[in-house]
Amino acid sequence: MTLRIKEIAKSKDISLEALANHLEMNRVSLSRIINGNPTIESLQKIATALEVPLKDLFKSDQEKPIYIKRKDGTFEQIGVLHK
Protein backbone atom coordinates (compact mmCIF):
# COMPACT_ATOMS: atom_id res chain seq x y z
CA MET A 1 0.00 0.00 0.00
CA THR A 2 1.41 3.35 -1.02
CA LEU A 3 0.12 6.44 0.71
CA ARG A 4 0.03 9.97 -0.68
CA ILE A 5 0.11 11.79 2.68
CA LYS A 6 3.43 13.54 2.04
CA GLU A 7 2.40 14.46 -1.50
CA ILE A 8 -0.96 15.89 -0.41
CA ALA A 9 0.53 17.80 2.52
CA LYS A 10 3.18 19.30 0.24
CA SER A 11 0.57 20.35 -2.33
CA LYS A 12 -1.29 22.19 0.44
CA ASP A 13 1.91 23.79 1.80
CA ILE A 14 1.55 21.89 5.07
CA SER A 15 4.73 20.56 6.61
CA LEU A 16 4.66 17.13 8.19
CA GLU A 17 5.64 18.83 11.46
CA ALA A 18 2.58 21.10 11.24
CA LEU A 19 0.36 18.16 10.32
CA ALA A 20 1.68 16.18 13.29
CA ASN A 21 1.03 19.12 15.61
CA HIS A 22 -2.51 19.46 14.26
CA LEU A 23 -3.06 15.76 14.93
CA GLU A 24 -1.63 16.23 18.44
CA MET A 25 1.24 13.81 17.89
CA ASN A 26 4.95 14.18 17.34
CA ARG A 27 6.66 14.05 13.97
CA VAL A 28 8.15 10.59 14.63
CA SER A 29 4.71 9.11 15.33
CA LEU A 30 3.35 10.57 12.10
CA SER A 31 6.32 9.15 10.17
CA ARG A 32 5.64 5.72 11.64
CA ILE A 33 2.03 5.96 10.47
CA ILE A 34 3.06 7.06 6.98
CA ASN A 35 5.77 4.41 6.59
CA GLY A 36 4.23 1.60 8.61
CA ASN A 37 0.91 -0.17 8.86
CA PRO A 38 -1.57 2.58 9.82
CA THR A 39 -5.00 1.98 11.28
CA ILE A 40 -8.07 3.17 9.45
CA GLU A 41 -8.70 5.53 12.39
CA SER A 42 -5.29 7.16 11.93
CA LEU A 43 -5.83 7.52 8.21
CA GLN A 44 -9.27 9.05 8.73
CA LYS A 45 -7.81 11.64 11.13
CA ILE A 46 -5.10 12.50 8.62
CA ALA A 47 -7.61 12.76 5.76
CA THR A 48 -9.79 15.06 7.86
CA ALA A 49 -6.80 17.23 8.80
CA LEU A 50 -5.77 17.48 5.13
CA GLU A 51 -9.39 18.10 4.10
CA VAL A 52 -9.45 15.28 1.56
CA PRO A 53 -11.56 12.13 1.23
CA LEU A 54 -9.96 9.05 2.77
CA LYS A 55 -9.62 7.40 -0.65
CA ASP A 56 -7.35 10.25 -1.80
CA LEU A 57 -4.65 9.12 0.64
CA PHE A 58 -4.04 5.97 -1.40
CA LYS A 59 -1.94 5.85 -4.54
CA SER A 60 -3.32 3.68 -7.30
CA ASP A 61 -1.14 1.79 -9.73
CA GLN A 62 -3.80 2.63 -12.31
CA GLU A 63 -3.13 6.37 -12.15
CA LYS A 64 -0.36 8.31 -13.83
CA PRO A 65 0.20 11.98 -13.00
CA ILE A 66 0.17 14.53 -15.81
CA TYR A 67 2.74 17.33 -15.52
CA ILE A 68 3.46 20.53 -17.39
CA LYS A 69 6.88 22.12 -17.52
CA ARG A 70 6.91 25.79 -16.60
CA LYS A 71 9.13 28.36 -18.26
CA ASP A 72 11.34 28.43 -15.15
CA GLY A 73 12.03 24.70 -15.58
CA THR A 74 9.88 23.48 -12.71
CA PHE A 75 7.07 20.98 -13.16
CA GLU A 76 3.48 21.23 -11.98
CA GLN A 77 1.03 18.37 -11.77
CA ILE A 78 -2.16 19.34 -13.59
CA GLY A 79 -4.10 16.12 -13.41
CA VAL A 80 -4.13 12.35 -13.34
CA LEU A 81 -4.50 9.92 -16.21
CA HIS A 82 -6.62 6.90 -15.29
CA LYS A 83 -5.83 3.68 -17.15
PDB file of N, CA and C in Angstrom:
ATOM      1  N   MET A   1       0.848  -1.176   0.000  1.00  0.00           N
ATOM      2  CA  MET A   1       0.000   0.000   0.000  1.00  0.00           C
ATOM      3  C   MET A   1       0.891   1.234   0.000  1.00  0.00           C
ATOM      4  N   THR A   2       0.668   2.102  -0.947  1.00  0.00           N
ATOM      5  CA  THR A   2       1.414   3.349  -1.020  1.00  0.00           C
ATOM      6  C   THR A   2       0.483   4.493  -0.663  1.00  0.00           C
ATOM      7  N   LEU A   3       0.932   5.312   0.268  1.00  0.00           N
ATOM      8  CA  LEU A   3       0.119   6.437   0.708  1.00  0.00           C
ATOM      9  C   LEU A   3       0.625   7.735   0.096  1.00  0.00           C
ATOM     10  N   ARG A   4      -0.284   8.676  -0.079  1.00  0.00           N
ATOM     11  CA  ARG A   4       0.027   9.973  -0.677  1.00  0.00           C
ATOM     12  C   ARG A   4       0.052  11.090   0.360  1.00  0.00           C
ATOM     13  N   ILE A   5       0.196  10.778   1.628  1.00  0.00           N
ATOM     14  CA  ILE A   5       0.105  11.789   2.681  1.00  0.00           C
ATOM     15  C   ILE A   5       1.133  12.896   2.481  1.00  0.00           C
ATOM     16  N   LYS A   6       2.384  12.533   2.245  1.00  0.00           N
ATOM     17  CA  LYS A   6       3.430  13.544   2.042  1.00  0.00           C
ATOM     18  C   LYS A   6       3.123  14.403   0.818  1.00  0.00           C
ATOM     19  N   GLU A   7       2.713  13.762  -0.248  1.00  0.00           N
ATOM     20  CA  GLU A   7       2.403  14.464  -1.498  1.00  0.00           C
ATOM     21  C   GLU A   7       1.251  15.456  -1.305  1.00  0.00           C
ATOM     22  N   ILE A   8       0.198  15.024  -0.630  1.00  0.00           N
ATOM     23  CA  ILE A   8      -0.958  15.889  -0.409  1.00  0.00           C
ATOM     24  C   ILE A   8      -0.600  17.043   0.518  1.00  0.00           C
ATOM     25  N   ALA A   9       0.125  16.743   1.594  1.00  0.00           N
ATOM     26  CA  ALA A   9       0.528  17.802   2.521  1.00  0.00           C
ATOM     27  C   ALA A   9       1.383  18.843   1.799  1.00  0.00           C
ATOM     28  N   LYS A  10       2.315  18.379   0.987  1.00  0.00           N
ATOM     29  CA  LYS A  10       3.178  19.301   0.242  1.00  0.00           C
ATOM     30  C   LYS A  10       2.367  20.173  -0.705  1.00  0.00           C
ATOM     31  N   SER A  11       1.389  19.584  -1.380  1.00  0.00           N
ATOM     32  CA  SER A  11       0.572  20.353  -2.329  1.00  0.00           C
ATOM     33  C   SER A  11      -0.267  21.417  -1.632  1.00  0.00           C
ATOM     34  N   LYS A  12      -0.508  21.228  -0.341  1.00  0.00           N
ATOM     35  CA  LYS A  12      -1.287  22.192   0.445  1.00  0.00           C
ATOM     36  C   LYS A  12      -0.389  23.085   1.301  1.00  0.00           C
ATOM     37  N   ASP A  13       0.916  23.019   1.041  1.00  0.00           N
ATOM     38  CA  ASP A  13       1.912  23.791   1.800  1.00  0.00           C
ATOM     39  C   ASP A  13       1.815  23.548   3.301  1.00  0.00           C
ATOM     40  N   ILE A  14       1.602  22.291   3.665  1.00  0.00           N
ATOM     41  CA  ILE A  14       1.547  21.895   5.072  1.00  0.00           C
ATOM     42  C   ILE A  14       2.751  20.999   5.336  1.00  0.00           C
ATOM     43  N   SER A  15       3.580  21.403   6.267  1.00  0.00           N
ATOM     44  CA  SER A  15       4.725  20.564   6.612  1.00  0.00           C
ATOM     45  C   SER A  15       4.240  19.365   7.418  1.00  0.00           C
ATOM     46  N   LEU A  16       5.023  18.304   7.400  1.00  0.00           N
ATOM     47  CA  LEU A  16       4.657  17.135   8.192  1.00  0.00           C
ATOM     48  C   LEU A  16       4.705  17.464   9.680  1.00  0.00           C
ATOM     49  N   GLU A  17       5.583  18.379  10.065  1.00  0.00           N
ATOM     50  CA  GLU A  17       5.644  18.833  11.461  1.00  0.00           C
ATOM     51  C   GLU A  17       4.331  19.525  11.846  1.00  0.00           C
ATOM     52  N   ALA A  18       3.837  20.406  10.969  1.00  0.00           N
ATOM     53  CA  ALA A  18       2.578  21.104  11.238  1.00  0.00           C
ATOM     54  C   ALA A  18       1.403  20.130  11.254  1.00  0.00           C
ATOM     55  N   LEU A  19       1.411  19.167  10.351  1.00  0.00           N
ATOM     56  CA  LEU A  19       0.356  18.163  10.323  1.00  0.00           C
ATOM     57  C   LEU A  19       0.372  17.345  11.609  1.00  0.00           C
ATOM     58  N   ALA A  20       1.555  16.934  12.047  1.00  0.00           N
ATOM     59  CA  ALA A  20       1.675  16.176  13.289  1.00  0.00           C
ATOM     60  C   ALA A  20       1.154  16.991  14.474  1.00  0.00           C
ATOM     61  N   ASN A  21       1.515  18.258  14.526  1.00  0.00           N
ATOM     62  CA  ASN A  21       1.027  19.124  15.606  1.00  0.00           C
ATOM     63  C   ASN A  21      -0.487  19.228  15.582  1.00  0.00           C
ATOM     64  N   HIS A  22      -1.056  19.376  14.400  1.00  0.00           N
ATOM     65  CA  HIS A  22      -2.510  19.459  14.260  1.00  0.00           C
ATOM     66  C   HIS A  22      -3.185  18.173  14.753  1.00  0.00           C
ATOM     67  N   LEU A  23      -2.528  17.060  14.519  1.00  0.00           N
ATOM     68  CA  LEU A  23      -3.055  15.758  14.932  1.00  0.00           C
ATOM     69  C   LEU A  23      -2.719  15.437  16.388  1.00  0.00           C
ATOM     70  N   GLU A  24      -2.041  16.382  17.047  1.00  0.00           N
ATOM     71  CA  GLU A  24      -1.628  16.228  18.442  1.00  0.00           C
ATOM     72  C   GLU A  24      -0.746  14.995  18.655  1.00  0.00           C
ATOM     73  N   MET A  25       0.244  14.869  17.757  1.00  0.00           N
ATOM     74  CA  MET A  25       1.237  13.810  17.891  1.00  0.00           C
ATOM     75  C   MET A  25       2.578  14.395  17.488  1.00  0.00           C
ATOM     76  N   ASN A  26       3.647  13.665  17.763  1.00  0.00           N
ATOM     77  CA  ASN A  26       4.949  14.177  17.343  1.00  0.00           C
ATOM     78  C   ASN A  26       5.261  13.707  15.927  1.00  0.00           C
ATOM     79  N   ARG A  27       6.280  14.306  15.355  1.00  0.00           N
ATOM     80  CA  ARG A  27       6.662  14.046  13.966  1.00  0.00           C
ATOM     81  C   ARG A  27       7.054  12.578  13.758  1.00  0.00           C
ATOM     82  N   VAL A  28       7.713  11.995  14.741  1.00  0.00           N
ATOM     83  CA  VAL A  28       8.145  10.594  14.633  1.00  0.00           C
ATOM     84  C   VAL A  28       6.934   9.674  14.556  1.00  0.00           C
ATOM     85  N   SER A  29       5.921   9.940  15.360  1.00  0.00           N
ATOM     86  CA  SER A  29       4.707   9.113  15.335  1.00  0.00           C
ATOM     87  C   SER A  29       4.024   9.198  13.976  1.00  0.00           C
ATOM     88  N   LEU A  30       3.959  10.412  13.417  1.00  0.00           N
ATOM     89  CA  LEU A  30       3.348  10.574  12.096  1.00  0.00           C
ATOM     90  C   LEU A  30       4.158   9.818  11.044  1.00  0.00           C
ATOM     91  N   SER A  31       5.468   9.875  11.121  1.00  0.00           N
ATOM     92  CA  SER A  31       6.315   9.153  10.171  1.00  0.00           C
ATOM     93  C   SER A  31       6.093   7.649  10.258  1.00  0.00           C
ATOM     94  N   ARG A  32       5.907   7.155  11.469  1.00  0.00           N
ATOM     95  CA  ARG A  32       5.639   5.723  11.636  1.00  0.00           C
ATOM     96  C   ARG A  32       4.311   5.337  10.994  1.00  0.00           C
ATOM     97  N   ILE A  33       3.333   6.223  11.102  1.00  0.00           N
ATOM     98  CA  ILE A  33       2.032   5.961  10.470  1.00  0.00           C
ATOM     99  C   ILE A  33       2.198   5.940   8.953  1.00  0.00           C
ATOM    100  N   ILE A  34       2.887   6.937   8.434  1.00  0.00           N
ATOM    101  CA  ILE A  34       3.062   7.056   6.980  1.00  0.00           C
ATOM    102  C   ILE A  34       3.842   5.875   6.413  1.00  0.00           C
ATOM    103  N   ASN A  35       4.876   5.449   7.112  1.00  0.00           N
ATOM    104  CA  ASN A  35       5.769   4.409   6.595  1.00  0.00           C
ATOM    105  C   ASN A  35       5.472   3.010   7.110  1.00  0.00           C
ATOM    106  N   GLY A  36       4.506   2.898   8.008  1.00  0.00           N
ATOM    107  CA  GLY A  36       4.225   1.601   8.614  1.00  0.00           C
ATOM    108  C   GLY A  36       2.900   1.027   8.166  1.00  0.00           C
ATOM    109  N   ASN A  37       2.197   0.463   9.116  1.00  0.00           N
ATOM    110  CA  ASN A  37       0.915  -0.174   8.859  1.00  0.00           C
ATOM    111  C   ASN A  37      -0.158   0.600   9.640  1.00  0.00           C
ATOM    112  N   PRO A  38      -0.660   1.705   9.076  1.00  0.00           N
ATOM    113  CA  PRO A  38      -1.567   2.577   9.824  1.00  0.00           C
ATOM    114  C   PRO A  38      -2.952   1.955  10.009  1.00  0.00           C
ATOM    115  N   THR A  39      -3.613   2.394  11.065  1.00  0.00           N
ATOM    116  CA  THR A  39      -4.997   1.977  11.285  1.00  0.00           C
ATOM    117  C   THR A  39      -5.914   2.859  10.448  1.00  0.00           C
ATOM    118  N   ILE A  40      -7.101   2.380  10.198  1.00  0.00           N
ATOM    119  CA  ILE A  40      -8.072   3.172   9.453  1.00  0.00           C
ATOM    120  C   ILE A  40      -8.426   4.440  10.226  1.00  0.00           C
ATOM    121  N   GLU A  41      -8.410   4.354  11.557  1.00  0.00           N
ATOM    122  CA  GLU A  41      -8.705   5.525  12.388  1.00  0.00           C
ATOM    123  C   GLU A  41      -7.645   6.610  12.191  1.00  0.00           C
ATOM    124  N   SER A  42      -6.381   6.200  12.156  1.00  0.00           N
ATOM    125  CA  SER A  42      -5.288   7.157  11.933  1.00  0.00           C
ATOM    126  C   SER A  42      -5.408   7.800  10.562  1.00  0.00           C
ATOM    127  N   LEU A  43      -5.690   6.987   9.562  1.00  0.00           N
ATOM    128  CA  LEU A  43      -5.825   7.520   8.207  1.00  0.00           C
ATOM    129  C   LEU A  43      -7.009   8.471   8.094  1.00  0.00           C
ATOM    130  N   GLN A  44      -8.101   8.170   8.776  1.00  0.00           N
ATOM    131  CA  GLN A  44      -9.266   9.055   8.728  1.00  0.00           C
ATOM    132  C   GLN A  44      -8.940  10.400   9.370  1.00  0.00           C
ATOM    133  N   LYS A  45      -8.210  10.389  10.477  1.00  0.00           N
ATOM    134  CA  LYS A  45      -7.812  11.642  11.131  1.00  0.00           C
ATOM    135  C   LYS A  45      -6.918  12.467  10.217  1.00  0.00           C
ATOM    136  N   ILE A  46      -5.999  11.801   9.538  1.00  0.00           N
ATOM    137  CA  ILE A  46      -5.097  12.500   8.618  1.00  0.00           C
ATOM    138  C   ILE A  46      -5.877  13.073   7.442  1.00  0.00           C
ATOM    139  N   ALA A  47      -6.789  12.287   6.877  1.00  0.00           N
ATOM    140  CA  ALA A  47      -7.608  12.764   5.757  1.00  0.00           C
ATOM    141  C   ALA A  47      -8.422  13.977   6.178  1.00  0.00           C
ATOM    142  N   THR A  48      -9.003  13.936   7.355  1.00  0.00           N
ATOM    143  CA  THR A  48      -9.787  15.062   7.858  1.00  0.00           C
ATOM    144  C   THR A  48      -8.905  16.290   8.027  1.00  0.00           C
ATOM    145  N   ALA A  49      -7.722  16.109   8.599  1.00  0.00           N
ATOM    146  CA  ALA A  49      -6.799  17.229   8.804  1.00  0.00           C
ATOM    147  C   ALA A  49      -6.357  17.843   7.476  1.00  0.00           C
ATOM    148  N   LEU A  50      -6.186  16.991   6.454  1.00  0.00           N
ATOM    149  CA  LEU A  50      -5.769  17.481   5.130  1.00  0.00           C
ATOM    150  C   LEU A  50      -6.958  17.928   4.272  1.00  0.00           C
ATOM    151  N   GLU A  51      -8.163  17.725   4.798  1.00  0.00           N
ATOM    152  CA  GLU A  51      -9.394  18.102   4.095  1.00  0.00           C
ATOM    153  C   GLU A  51      -9.523  17.412   2.745  1.00  0.00           C
ATOM    154  N   VAL A  52      -9.285  16.085   2.764  1.00  0.00           N
ATOM    155  CA  VAL A  52      -9.450  15.279   1.558  1.00  0.00           C
ATOM    156  C   VAL A  52     -10.238  14.023   1.928  1.00  0.00           C
ATOM    157  N   PRO A  53     -10.914  13.409   0.952  1.00  0.00           N
ATOM    158  CA  PRO A  53     -11.563  12.127   1.225  1.00  0.00           C
ATOM    159  C   PRO A  53     -10.518  11.070   1.547  1.00  0.00           C
ATOM    160  N   LEU A  54     -10.878  10.123   2.366  1.00  0.00           N
ATOM    161  CA  LEU A  54      -9.962   9.054   2.769  1.00  0.00           C
ATOM    162  C   LEU A  54      -9.335   8.361   1.557  1.00  0.00           C
ATOM    163  N   LYS A  55     -10.120   8.112   0.530  1.00  0.00           N
ATOM    164  CA  LYS A  55      -9.619   7.402  -0.651  1.00  0.00           C
ATOM    165  C   LYS A  55      -8.470   8.143  -1.325  1.00  0.00           C
ATOM    166  N   ASP A  56      -8.411   9.472  -1.168  1.00  0.00           N
ATOM    167  CA  ASP A  56      -7.350  10.247  -1.799  1.00  0.00           C
ATOM    168  C   ASP A  56      -5.974  10.005  -1.176  1.00  0.00           C
ATOM    169  N   LEU A  57      -5.938   9.405   0.000  1.00  0.00           N
ATOM    170  CA  LEU A  57      -4.651   9.122   0.644  1.00  0.00           C
ATOM    171  C   LEU A  57      -3.924   7.952   0.001  1.00  0.00           C
ATOM    172  N   PHE A  58      -4.623   7.172  -0.802  1.00  0.00           N
ATOM    173  CA  PHE A  58      -4.043   5.973  -1.398  1.00  0.00           C
ATOM    174  C   PHE A  58      -3.623   6.227  -2.835  1.00  0.00           C
ATOM    175  N   LYS A  59      -2.449   5.716  -3.186  1.00  0.00           N
ATOM    176  CA  LYS A  59      -1.936   5.851  -4.544  1.00  0.00           C
ATOM    177  C   LYS A  59      -2.314   4.607  -5.320  1.00  0.00           C
ATOM    178  N   SER A  60      -2.911   4.798  -6.466  1.00  0.00           N
ATOM    179  CA  SER A  60      -3.321   3.681  -7.305  1.00  0.00           C
ATOM    180  C   SER A  60      -2.283   3.419  -8.383  1.00  0.00           C
ATOM    181  N   ASP A  61      -2.036   2.152  -8.638  1.00  0.00           N
ATOM    182  CA  ASP A  61      -1.141   1.794  -9.733  1.00  0.00           C
ATOM    183  C   ASP A  61      -1.786   2.084 -11.086  1.00  0.00           C
ATOM    184  N   GLN A  62      -3.069   2.363 -11.070  1.00  0.00           N
ATOM    185  CA  GLN A  62      -3.801   2.627 -12.306  1.00  0.00           C
ATOM    186  C   GLN A  62      -3.798   4.101 -12.679  1.00  0.00           C
ATOM    187  N   GLU A  63      -3.150   4.942 -11.886  1.00  0.00           N
ATOM    188  CA  GLU A  63      -3.130   6.375 -12.148  1.00  0.00           C
ATOM    189  C   GLU A  63      -1.719   6.829 -12.496  1.00  0.00           C
ATOM    190  N   LYS A  64      -1.633   7.708 -13.454  1.00  0.00           N
ATOM    191  CA  LYS A  64      -0.360   8.312 -13.829  1.00  0.00           C
ATOM    192  C   LYS A  64      -0.539   9.824 -13.795  1.00  0.00           C
ATOM    193  N   PRO A  65       0.328  10.532 -13.056  1.00  0.00           N
ATOM    194  CA  PRO A  65       0.201  11.984 -12.995  1.00  0.00           C
ATOM    195  C   PRO A  65       0.544  12.637 -14.332  1.00  0.00           C
ATOM    196  N   ILE A  66      -0.096  13.745 -14.605  1.00  0.00           N
ATOM    197  CA  ILE A  66       0.165  14.528 -15.810  1.00  0.00           C
ATOM    198  C   ILE A  66       0.818  15.838 -15.358  1.00  0.00           C
ATOM    199  N   TYR A  67       1.994  16.139 -15.920  1.00  0.00           N
ATOM    200  CA  TYR A  67       2.739  17.328 -15.523  1.00  0.00           C
ATOM    201  C   TYR A  67       2.897  18.268 -16.711  1.00  0.00           C
ATOM    202  N   ILE A  68       3.041  19.551 -16.390  1.00  0.00           N
ATOM    203  CA  ILE A  68       3.459  20.525 -17.390  1.00  0.00           C
ATOM    204  C   ILE A  68       4.792  21.104 -16.914  1.00  0.00           C
ATOM    205  N   LYS A  69       5.610  21.497 -17.866  1.00  0.00           N
ATOM    206  CA  LYS A  69       6.882  22.116 -17.517  1.00  0.00           C
ATOM    207  C   LYS A  69       6.717  23.622 -17.662  1.00  0.00           C
ATOM    208  N   ARG A  70       7.007  24.333 -16.597  1.00  0.00           N
ATOM    209  CA  ARG A  70       6.905  25.793 -16.604  1.00  0.00           C
ATOM    210  C   ARG A  70       8.132  26.405 -17.274  1.00  0.00           C
ATOM    211  N   LYS A  71       8.017  27.672 -17.621  1.00  0.00           N
ATOM    212  CA  LYS A  71       9.132  28.364 -18.260  1.00  0.00           C
ATOM    213  C   LYS A  71      10.375  28.398 -17.388  1.00  0.00           C
ATOM    214  N   ASP A  72      10.186  28.389 -16.056  1.00  0.00           N
ATOM    215  CA  ASP A  72      11.338  28.428 -15.152  1.00  0.00           C
ATOM    216  C   ASP A  72      11.972  27.052 -14.952  1.00  0.00           C
ATOM    217  N   GLY A  73      11.463  26.034 -15.646  1.00  0.00           N
ATOM    218  CA  GLY A  73      12.035  24.700 -15.577  1.00  0.00           C
ATOM    219  C   GLY A  73      11.414  23.783 -14.541  1.00  0.00           C
ATOM    220  N   THR A  74      10.534  24.313 -13.712  1.00  0.00           N
ATOM    221  CA  THR A  74       9.875  23.476 -12.711  1.00  0.00           C
ATOM    222  C   THR A  74       8.671  22.779 -13.330  1.00  0.00           C
ATOM    223  N   PHE A  75       8.216  21.738 -12.671  1.00  0.00           N
ATOM    224  CA  PHE A  75       7.071  20.980 -13.156  1.00  0.00           C
ATOM    225  C   PHE A  75       5.894  21.163 -12.209  1.00  0.00           C
ATOM    226  N   GLU A  76       4.704  21.131 -12.778  1.00  0.00           N
ATOM    227  CA  GLU A  76       3.477  21.230 -11.983  1.00  0.00           C
ATOM    228  C   GLU A  76       2.527  20.129 -12.423  1.00  0.00           C
ATOM    229  N   GLN A  77       2.005  19.404 -11.448  1.00  0.00           N
ATOM    230  CA  GLN A  77       1.027  18.370 -11.768  1.00  0.00           C
ATOM    231  C   GLN A  77      -0.310  19.046 -12.052  1.00  0.00           C
ATOM    232  N   ILE A  78      -0.893  18.710 -13.210  1.00  0.00           N
ATOM    233  CA  ILE A  78      -2.163  19.340 -13.588  1.00  0.00           C
ATOM    234  C   ILE A  78      -3.324  18.359 -13.605  1.00  0.00           C
ATOM    235  N   GLY A  79      -3.021  17.108 -13.404  1.00  0.00           N
ATOM    236  CA  GLY A  79      -4.098  16.122 -13.413  1.00  0.00           C
ATOM    237  C   GLY A  79      -3.551  14.718 -13.285  1.00  0.00           C
ATOM    238  N   VAL A  80      -4.464  13.776 -13.459  1.00  0.00           N
ATOM    239  CA  VAL A  80      -4.129  12.351 -13.340  1.00  0.00           C
ATOM    240  C   VAL A  80      -4.772  11.618 -14.502  1.00  0.00           C
ATOM    241  N   LEU A  81      -4.010  10.766 -15.141  1.00  0.00           N
ATOM    242  CA  LEU A  81      -4.498   9.924 -16.212  1.00  0.00           C
ATOM    243  C   LEU A  81      -4.897   8.577 -15.619  1.00  0.00           C
ATOM    244  N   HIS A  82      -6.132   8.193 -15.801  1.00  0.00           N
ATOM    245  CA  HIS A  82      -6.621   6.900 -15.290  1.00  0.00           C
ATOM    246  C   HIS A  82      -6.555   5.873 -16.422  1.00  0.00           C
ATOM    247  N   LYS A  83      -5.935   4.739 -16.137  1.00  0.00           N
ATOM    248  CA  LYS A  83      -5.828   3.679 -17.150  1.00  0.00           C
ATOM    249  C   LYS A  83      -7.131   2.944 -17.283  1.00  0.00           C
TER     250      LYS A  83
END
